[in-house]
Amino acid sequence: MLTSYRKSAGALALAMSVFAVSGALAETRNVLIVDGAYFPSQSHVQPGDQVIFTNNATGSHTVTGEGEAWTSGAIPVNGSYTLDITAETPTSFSGQTMEEPVFEGFISFDVPVTQ
């Protein structure tokens, strides 16, 4: 019984440490939707990350992945949409409000260059 308990406890500890490490690596990136643009216009991400689009424009806004791979639907003013990043997530997205022409934003799986 003690051996069974030790194995179970060891497996649980291993599972929790793997979960903690994998959860620590995921990042949340914020993209503001403003009239006529995304800020930042490019976000550096990795699979497992999330991008949260927050609409700070003056009207409702829809964000759509290249080839219509995903869409946010209408995001109301001050509303948000969360995109879960996978290795297959397209690297460009576009959107528009009723008042603005279509504009684009980008994600990059490259590590940003810092100086």
N, C-alpha and C. Protein backbone atom coordinates (compact mmCIF):
# COMPACT_ATOMS: atom_id res chain seq x y z
N MET A 1 0.82 -1.19 0.00
CA MET A 1 0.00 0.00 0.00
C MET A 1 0.87 1.26 0.00
N LEU A 2 1.91 1.26 0.84
CA LEU A 2 2.80 2.41 0.90
C LEU A 2 3.50 2.62 -0.43
N THR A 3 3.91 1.55 -1.10
CA THR A 3 4.55 1.66 -2.40
C THR A 3 3.59 2.25 -3.42
N SER A 4 2.34 1.83 -3.40
CA SER A 4 1.31 2.36 -4.31
C SER A 4 1.11 3.85 -4.06
N TYR A 5 1.07 4.23 -2.78
CA TYR A 5 0.90 5.64 -2.42
C TYR A 5 2.08 6.47 -2.93
N ARG A 6 3.29 5.97 -2.76
CA ARG A 6 4.49 6.69 -3.21
C ARG A 6 4.48 6.87 -4.72
N LYS A 7 4.09 5.82 -5.45
CA LYS A 7 4.02 5.92 -6.91
C LYS A 7 2.98 6.95 -7.33
N SER A 8 1.83 6.93 -6.68
CA SER A 8 0.76 7.89 -7.01
C SER A 8 1.20 9.31 -6.69
N ALA A 9 1.83 9.49 -5.53
CA ALA A 9 2.30 10.82 -5.14
C ALA A 9 3.38 11.31 -6.09
N GLY A 10 4.27 10.40 -6.48
CA GLY A 10 5.33 10.77 -7.43
C GLY A 10 4.76 11.15 -8.78
N ALA A 11 3.78 10.39 -9.26
CA ALA A 11 3.14 10.70 -10.55
C ALA A 11 2.42 12.04 -10.48
N LEU A 12 1.73 12.29 -9.37
CA LEU A 12 1.02 13.56 -9.20
C LEU A 12 2.01 14.72 -9.17
N ALA A 13 3.11 14.57 -8.46
CA ALA A 13 4.12 15.64 -8.40
C ALA A 13 4.71 15.91 -9.77
N LEU A 14 4.98 14.85 -10.53
CA LEU A 14 5.51 15.02 -11.88
C LEU A 14 4.50 15.73 -12.78
N ALA A 15 3.25 15.31 -12.72
CA ALA A 15 2.21 15.93 -13.54
C ALA A 15 2.05 17.41 -13.18
N MET A 16 2.08 17.72 -11.90
CA MET A 16 1.94 19.12 -11.49
C MET A 16 3.13 19.97 -11.94
N SER A 17 4.33 19.41 -11.89
CA SER A 17 5.50 20.18 -12.31
C SER A 17 5.48 20.40 -13.82
N VAL A 18 5.05 19.41 -14.59
CA VAL A 18 4.93 19.59 -16.04
C VAL A 18 3.89 20.65 -16.35
N PHE A 19 2.75 20.59 -15.65
CA PHE A 19 1.70 21.59 -15.86
C PHE A 19 2.20 22.98 -15.50
N ALA A 20 2.91 23.10 -14.38
CA ALA A 20 3.41 24.41 -13.96
C ALA A 20 4.41 24.96 -14.97
N VAL A 21 5.30 24.12 -15.47
CA VAL A 21 6.29 24.58 -16.44
C VAL A 21 5.62 24.98 -17.74
N SER A 22 4.70 24.16 -18.25
CA SER A 22 4.06 24.49 -19.52
C SER A 22 3.19 25.72 -19.39
N GLY A 23 2.52 25.90 -18.23
CA GLY A 23 1.71 27.09 -18.03
C GLY A 23 2.54 28.34 -17.92
N ALA A 24 3.74 28.21 -17.38
CA ALA A 24 4.60 29.38 -17.18
C ALA A 24 5.14 29.89 -18.51
N LEU A 25 5.22 29.04 -19.50
CA LEU A 25 5.77 29.44 -20.78
C LEU A 25 4.78 30.21 -21.64
N ALA A 26 3.49 29.98 -21.44
CA ALA A 26 2.47 30.66 -22.25
C ALA A 26 2.43 32.14 -21.89
N GLU A 27 2.24 32.96 -22.91
CA GLU A 27 2.19 34.42 -22.73
C GLU A 27 0.85 34.94 -23.22
N THR A 28 0.44 36.06 -22.70
CA THR A 28 -0.73 36.77 -23.19
C THR A 28 -0.25 38.04 -23.84
N ARG A 29 -0.63 38.25 -25.07
CA ARG A 29 -0.28 39.46 -25.82
C ARG A 29 -1.56 40.28 -25.98
N ASN A 30 -1.45 41.57 -25.78
CA ASN A 30 -2.60 42.46 -25.93
C ASN A 30 -2.45 43.29 -27.20
N VAL A 31 -3.52 43.35 -27.97
CA VAL A 31 -3.56 44.16 -29.18
C VAL A 31 -4.76 45.10 -29.04
N LEU A 32 -4.50 46.39 -29.12
CA LEU A 32 -5.57 47.37 -29.10
C LEU A 32 -6.07 47.62 -30.51
N ILE A 33 -7.36 47.65 -30.65
CA ILE A 33 -7.98 48.05 -31.92
C ILE A 33 -8.31 49.52 -31.76
N VAL A 34 -7.70 50.35 -32.58
CA VAL A 34 -7.98 51.78 -32.59
C VAL A 34 -8.51 52.12 -33.97
N ASP A 35 -9.05 53.30 -34.14
CA ASP A 35 -9.60 53.67 -35.44
C ASP A 35 -8.52 53.58 -36.51
N GLY A 36 -8.68 52.64 -37.43
CA GLY A 36 -7.79 52.51 -38.57
C GLY A 36 -6.51 51.73 -38.36
N ALA A 37 -6.31 51.10 -37.18
CA ALA A 37 -5.05 50.40 -36.96
C ALA A 37 -5.15 49.43 -35.78
N TYR A 38 -4.15 48.55 -35.70
CA TYR A 38 -3.94 47.69 -34.54
C TYR A 38 -2.68 48.18 -33.85
N PHE A 39 -2.67 48.12 -32.51
CA PHE A 39 -1.49 48.52 -31.77
C PHE A 39 -1.17 47.48 -30.73
N PRO A 40 -0.03 46.81 -30.83
CA PRO A 40 0.94 46.93 -31.90
C PRO A 40 0.43 46.27 -33.18
N SER A 41 1.02 46.64 -34.28
CA SER A 41 0.60 46.06 -35.56
C SER A 41 1.17 44.66 -35.74
N GLN A 42 2.22 44.32 -34.99
CA GLN A 42 2.81 42.97 -35.03
C GLN A 42 3.07 42.49 -33.61
N SER A 43 2.65 41.26 -33.33
CA SER A 43 2.88 40.65 -32.02
C SER A 43 3.72 39.40 -32.20
N HIS A 44 4.70 39.23 -31.34
CA HIS A 44 5.55 38.03 -31.36
C HIS A 44 4.93 37.01 -30.42
N VAL A 45 4.62 35.82 -30.95
CA VAL A 45 3.91 34.79 -30.21
C VAL A 45 4.56 33.43 -30.40
N GLN A 46 4.12 32.49 -29.58
CA GLN A 46 4.49 31.09 -29.71
C GLN A 46 3.21 30.27 -29.53
N PRO A 47 3.16 29.07 -30.10
CA PRO A 47 1.98 28.22 -29.85
C PRO A 47 1.73 28.07 -28.35
N GLY A 48 0.48 28.17 -27.97
CA GLY A 48 0.11 28.13 -26.56
C GLY A 48 -0.17 29.51 -25.99
N ASP A 49 0.34 30.56 -26.65
CA ASP A 49 0.07 31.92 -26.22
C ASP A 49 -1.37 32.31 -26.57
N GLN A 50 -1.79 33.42 -26.02
CA GLN A 50 -3.09 34.01 -26.37
C GLN A 50 -2.87 35.46 -26.78
N VAL A 51 -3.68 35.90 -27.74
CA VAL A 51 -3.71 37.31 -28.12
C VAL A 51 -5.10 37.82 -27.77
N ILE A 52 -5.14 38.88 -26.98
CA ILE A 52 -6.41 39.48 -26.61
C ILE A 52 -6.56 40.78 -27.39
N PHE A 53 -7.57 40.82 -28.25
CA PHE A 53 -7.89 42.01 -29.02
C PHE A 53 -8.92 42.81 -28.21
N THR A 54 -8.60 44.07 -27.90
CA THR A 54 -9.52 44.94 -27.17
C THR A 54 -9.89 46.10 -28.07
N ASN A 55 -11.19 46.30 -28.24
CA ASN A 55 -11.69 47.32 -29.16
C ASN A 55 -11.77 48.69 -28.48
N ASN A 56 -10.81 49.55 -28.81
CA ASN A 56 -10.82 50.94 -28.34
C ASN A 56 -11.20 51.89 -29.46
N ALA A 57 -11.76 51.36 -30.56
CA ALA A 57 -12.20 52.18 -31.68
C ALA A 57 -13.57 52.80 -31.35
N THR A 58 -14.04 53.63 -32.23
CA THR A 58 -15.32 54.30 -31.99
C THR A 58 -16.53 53.49 -32.43
N GLY A 59 -16.28 52.32 -33.03
CA GLY A 59 -17.39 51.47 -33.47
C GLY A 59 -17.06 50.00 -33.31
N SER A 60 -18.05 49.17 -33.55
CA SER A 60 -17.87 47.72 -33.52
C SER A 60 -16.80 47.30 -34.52
N HIS A 61 -16.09 46.21 -34.24
CA HIS A 61 -14.97 45.79 -35.08
C HIS A 61 -14.93 44.27 -35.16
N THR A 62 -14.59 43.75 -36.33
CA THR A 62 -14.41 42.31 -36.53
C THR A 62 -12.98 42.05 -36.97
N VAL A 63 -12.34 41.05 -36.37
CA VAL A 63 -10.99 40.65 -36.75
C VAL A 63 -11.08 39.26 -37.36
N THR A 64 -10.41 39.08 -38.52
CA THR A 64 -10.47 37.80 -39.23
C THR A 64 -9.07 37.37 -39.63
N GLY A 65 -8.76 36.10 -39.39
CA GLY A 65 -7.47 35.53 -39.78
C GLY A 65 -7.41 35.32 -41.28
N GLU A 66 -6.20 35.36 -41.81
CA GLU A 66 -5.97 35.16 -43.25
C GLU A 66 -6.71 33.92 -43.73
N GLY A 67 -7.37 34.04 -44.87
CA GLY A 67 -8.12 32.93 -45.44
C GLY A 67 -9.35 32.58 -44.63
N GLU A 68 -9.78 33.49 -43.79
CA GLU A 68 -10.92 33.28 -42.90
C GLU A 68 -10.74 32.05 -42.02
N ALA A 69 -9.48 31.82 -41.59
CA ALA A 69 -9.17 30.68 -40.73
C ALA A 69 -9.86 30.81 -39.37
N TRP A 70 -10.11 32.03 -38.94
CA TRP A 70 -10.83 32.31 -37.70
C TRP A 70 -11.45 33.70 -37.79
N THR A 71 -12.45 33.96 -37.01
CA THR A 71 -13.04 35.29 -36.95
C THR A 71 -13.53 35.56 -35.54
N SER A 72 -13.45 36.81 -35.17
CA SER A 72 -13.87 37.22 -33.84
C SER A 72 -15.37 37.44 -33.74
N GLY A 73 -16.02 37.65 -34.88
CA GLY A 73 -17.38 38.17 -34.82
C GLY A 73 -17.30 39.63 -34.42
N ALA A 74 -18.41 40.27 -34.28
CA ALA A 74 -18.42 41.70 -33.93
C ALA A 74 -17.95 41.90 -32.49
N ILE A 75 -16.89 42.70 -32.33
CA ILE A 75 -16.40 43.06 -31.00
C ILE A 75 -16.93 44.47 -30.71
N PRO A 76 -17.76 44.62 -29.70
CA PRO A 76 -18.30 45.95 -29.41
C PRO A 76 -17.23 46.89 -28.86
N VAL A 77 -17.50 48.17 -28.85
CA VAL A 77 -16.60 49.15 -28.26
C VAL A 77 -16.34 48.74 -26.81
N ASN A 78 -15.09 48.74 -26.41
CA ASN A 78 -14.60 48.32 -25.09
C ASN A 78 -14.72 46.81 -24.85
N GLY A 79 -15.13 46.06 -25.85
CA GLY A 79 -15.19 44.61 -25.73
C GLY A 79 -13.87 43.99 -26.14
N SER A 80 -13.76 42.68 -25.98
CA SER A 80 -12.52 42.01 -26.35
C SER A 80 -12.80 40.63 -26.93
N TYR A 81 -11.78 40.10 -27.59
CA TYR A 81 -11.81 38.76 -28.18
C TYR A 81 -10.47 38.10 -27.89
N THR A 82 -10.47 36.85 -27.45
CA THR A 82 -9.24 36.13 -27.15
C THR A 82 -9.00 35.07 -28.21
N LEU A 83 -7.81 35.11 -28.80
CA LEU A 83 -7.39 34.15 -29.82
C LEU A 83 -6.32 33.25 -29.21
N ASP A 84 -6.58 31.94 -29.21
CA ASP A 84 -5.58 30.96 -28.77
C ASP A 84 -4.67 30.64 -29.94
N ILE A 85 -3.37 30.80 -29.74
CA ILE A 85 -2.39 30.61 -30.81
C ILE A 85 -1.97 29.15 -30.90
N THR A 86 -2.00 28.62 -32.12
CA THR A 86 -1.47 27.28 -32.42
C THR A 86 -0.41 27.44 -33.50
N ALA A 87 0.29 26.38 -33.80
CA ALA A 87 1.30 26.42 -34.86
C ALA A 87 0.67 26.70 -36.22
N GLU A 88 -0.62 26.43 -36.36
CA GLU A 88 -1.32 26.64 -37.63
C GLU A 88 -2.00 28.01 -37.74
N THR A 89 -1.92 28.82 -36.71
CA THR A 89 -2.56 30.14 -36.75
C THR A 89 -1.93 30.97 -37.87
N PRO A 90 -2.76 31.54 -38.78
CA PRO A 90 -2.21 32.38 -39.84
C PRO A 90 -1.44 33.57 -39.26
N THR A 91 -0.44 34.04 -39.98
CA THR A 91 0.40 35.13 -39.47
C THR A 91 -0.12 36.52 -39.82
N SER A 92 -1.24 36.60 -40.49
CA SER A 92 -1.83 37.92 -40.73
C SER A 92 -3.32 37.87 -40.42
N PHE A 93 -3.83 39.02 -40.06
CA PHE A 93 -5.26 39.16 -39.79
C PHE A 93 -5.69 40.53 -40.26
N SER A 94 -6.94 40.69 -40.50
CA SER A 94 -7.45 41.98 -40.95
C SER A 94 -8.79 42.23 -40.29
N GLY A 95 -9.23 43.46 -40.42
CA GLY A 95 -10.52 43.81 -39.86
C GLY A 95 -10.90 45.22 -40.23
N GLN A 96 -12.11 45.57 -39.86
CA GLN A 96 -12.56 46.92 -40.11
C GLN A 96 -13.77 47.24 -39.25
N THR A 97 -13.97 48.53 -39.07
CA THR A 97 -15.18 49.03 -38.46
C THR A 97 -16.05 49.55 -39.59
N MET A 98 -17.22 49.94 -39.27
CA MET A 98 -18.12 50.47 -40.31
C MET A 98 -17.54 51.74 -40.96
N GLU A 99 -16.78 52.52 -40.20
CA GLU A 99 -16.28 53.81 -40.68
C GLU A 99 -14.93 53.73 -41.37
N GLU A 100 -14.18 52.64 -41.19
CA GLU A 100 -12.80 52.56 -41.65
C GLU A 100 -12.65 51.52 -42.76
N PRO A 101 -11.66 51.72 -43.64
CA PRO A 101 -11.34 50.67 -44.62
C PRO A 101 -10.66 49.50 -43.92
N VAL A 102 -10.52 48.40 -44.62
CA VAL A 102 -9.85 47.22 -44.05
C VAL A 102 -8.40 47.56 -43.72
N PHE A 103 -7.92 47.11 -42.58
CA PHE A 103 -6.51 47.27 -42.23
C PHE A 103 -6.01 45.96 -41.65
N GLU A 104 -4.66 45.78 -41.67
CA GLU A 104 -4.06 44.50 -41.32
C GLU A 104 -3.17 44.59 -40.08
N GLY A 105 -3.01 43.43 -39.47
CA GLY A 105 -2.06 43.24 -38.38
C GLY A 105 -1.37 41.90 -38.60
N PHE A 106 -0.35 41.64 -37.82
CA PHE A 106 0.46 40.45 -38.04
C PHE A 106 0.89 39.82 -36.73
N ILE A 107 1.10 38.50 -36.77
CA ILE A 107 1.77 37.81 -35.69
C ILE A 107 3.03 37.19 -36.26
N SER A 108 4.02 37.02 -35.41
CA SER A 108 5.28 36.44 -35.83
C SER A 108 5.67 35.36 -34.83
N PHE A 109 6.10 34.22 -35.35
CA PHE A 109 6.58 33.15 -34.49
C PHE A 109 8.08 33.29 -34.23
N ASP A 110 8.70 34.35 -34.74
CA ASP A 110 10.12 34.63 -34.51
C ASP A 110 10.27 35.31 -33.15
N VAL A 111 11.39 35.11 -32.54
CA VAL A 111 11.70 35.79 -31.28
C VAL A 111 12.06 37.23 -31.62
N PRO A 112 11.47 38.21 -30.92
CA PRO A 112 11.80 39.60 -31.24
C PRO A 112 13.27 39.91 -30.98
N VAL A 113 13.83 40.76 -31.79
CA VAL A 113 15.21 41.19 -31.62
C VAL A 113 15.24 42.30 -30.58
N THR A 114 16.07 42.12 -29.56
CA THR A 114 16.21 43.16 -28.54
C THR A 114 17.65 43.65 -28.55
N GLN A 115 17.82 44.90 -28.24
CA GLN A 115 19.17 45.47 -28.23
C GLN A 115 19.45 46.15 -26.93
